[in-house]
């Protein structure tokens, strides 16, 4: 997406139509090493095979159910 494309997008763009995002379901798991780390993996095995994963710091995670 070029700067001009980005600037022409609506203030509240549609994630799929305007930005090309594709939503997917992810599952949350606790790490098995007794730390507070969480692991997020896609629900779809096909996405898992595509090496889809997220690495994030603790302060980057927000519970949208309680924050919105």
Protein backbone atom coordinates (compact mmCIF):
# COMPACT_ATOMS: atom_id res chain seq x y z
CA UNK A 1 0.00 0.00 0.00
CA UNK A 2 1.49 3.34 -1.03
CA UNK A 3 1.30 6.52 1.03
CA UNK A 4 -1.34 7.89 -1.36
CA UNK A 5 -3.39 4.70 -0.98
CA UNK A 6 -3.13 4.92 2.80
CA UNK A 7 -4.12 8.59 2.89
CA UNK A 8 -7.18 7.92 0.72
CA UNK A 9 -8.54 5.23 3.09
CA UNK A 10 -11.50 6.25 5.24
CA UNK A 11 -10.92 7.21 8.88
CA UNK A 12 -12.72 4.01 9.92
CA UNK A 13 -11.67 1.66 7.09
CA UNK A 14 -13.22 -1.74 6.53
CA UNK A 15 -10.51 -4.22 7.52
CA UNK A 16 -11.16 -6.56 4.61
CA UNK A 17 -12.34 -4.28 1.82
CA UNK A 18 -10.10 -1.27 2.44
CA UNK A 19 -7.03 -2.83 4.04
CA UNK A 20 -7.02 -6.37 2.65
CA UNK A 21 -6.93 -8.01 6.09
CA UNK A 22 -8.29 -11.51 6.47
CA UNK A 23 -9.65 -12.36 9.92
CA UNK A 24 -8.80 -15.73 11.39
CA UNK A 25 -9.51 -17.58 14.61
CA UNK A 26 -6.60 -18.06 17.02
CA UNK A 27 -6.40 -20.10 20.22
CA UNK A 28 -4.54 -19.13 23.40
CA UNK A 29 -2.42 -21.64 25.33
CA UNK A 30 -0.28 -21.28 28.45
CA UNK A 31 3.39 -22.19 28.08
CA UNK A 32 4.30 -25.56 29.58
CA UNK A 33 7.37 -24.25 31.44
CA UNK A 34 5.47 -22.72 34.42
CA UNK A 35 6.01 -19.15 33.19
CA UNK A 36 3.29 -16.58 32.57
CA UNK A 37 3.94 -16.76 28.84
CA UNK A 38 1.07 -17.33 26.45
CA UNK A 39 1.18 -18.99 23.05
CA UNK A 40 -1.27 -17.99 20.32
CA UNK A 41 -1.77 -20.40 17.45
CA UNK A 42 -4.18 -20.30 14.53
CA UNK A 43 -7.16 -22.64 14.81
CA UNK A 44 -6.74 -23.77 11.21
CA UNK A 45 -4.13 -26.47 10.68
CA UNK A 46 -3.46 -25.04 7.20
CA UNK A 47 -2.46 -21.70 8.73
CA UNK A 48 -0.29 -23.48 11.26
CA UNK A 49 1.52 -25.21 8.42
CA UNK A 50 2.15 -21.75 6.91
CA UNK A 51 4.18 -20.95 10.05
CA UNK A 52 1.67 -18.40 11.35
CA UNK A 53 2.53 -17.24 14.86
CA UNK A 54 2.72 -14.14 17.05
CA UNK A 55 5.55 -12.98 19.32
CA UNK A 56 4.55 -10.15 21.68
CA UNK A 57 5.72 -8.59 24.93
CA UNK A 58 3.42 -8.85 27.96
CA UNK A 59 2.58 -5.14 27.85
CA UNK A 60 1.46 -5.47 24.22
CA UNK A 61 -1.43 -7.80 25.03
CA UNK A 62 -4.79 -6.17 25.72
CA UNK A 63 -8.03 -7.92 26.57
CA UNK A 64 -10.38 -6.26 24.09
CA UNK A 65 -13.44 -7.58 25.93
CA UNK A 66 -12.59 -5.51 28.99
CA UNK A 67 -11.01 -2.52 27.20
CA UNK A 68 -13.75 -1.70 24.68
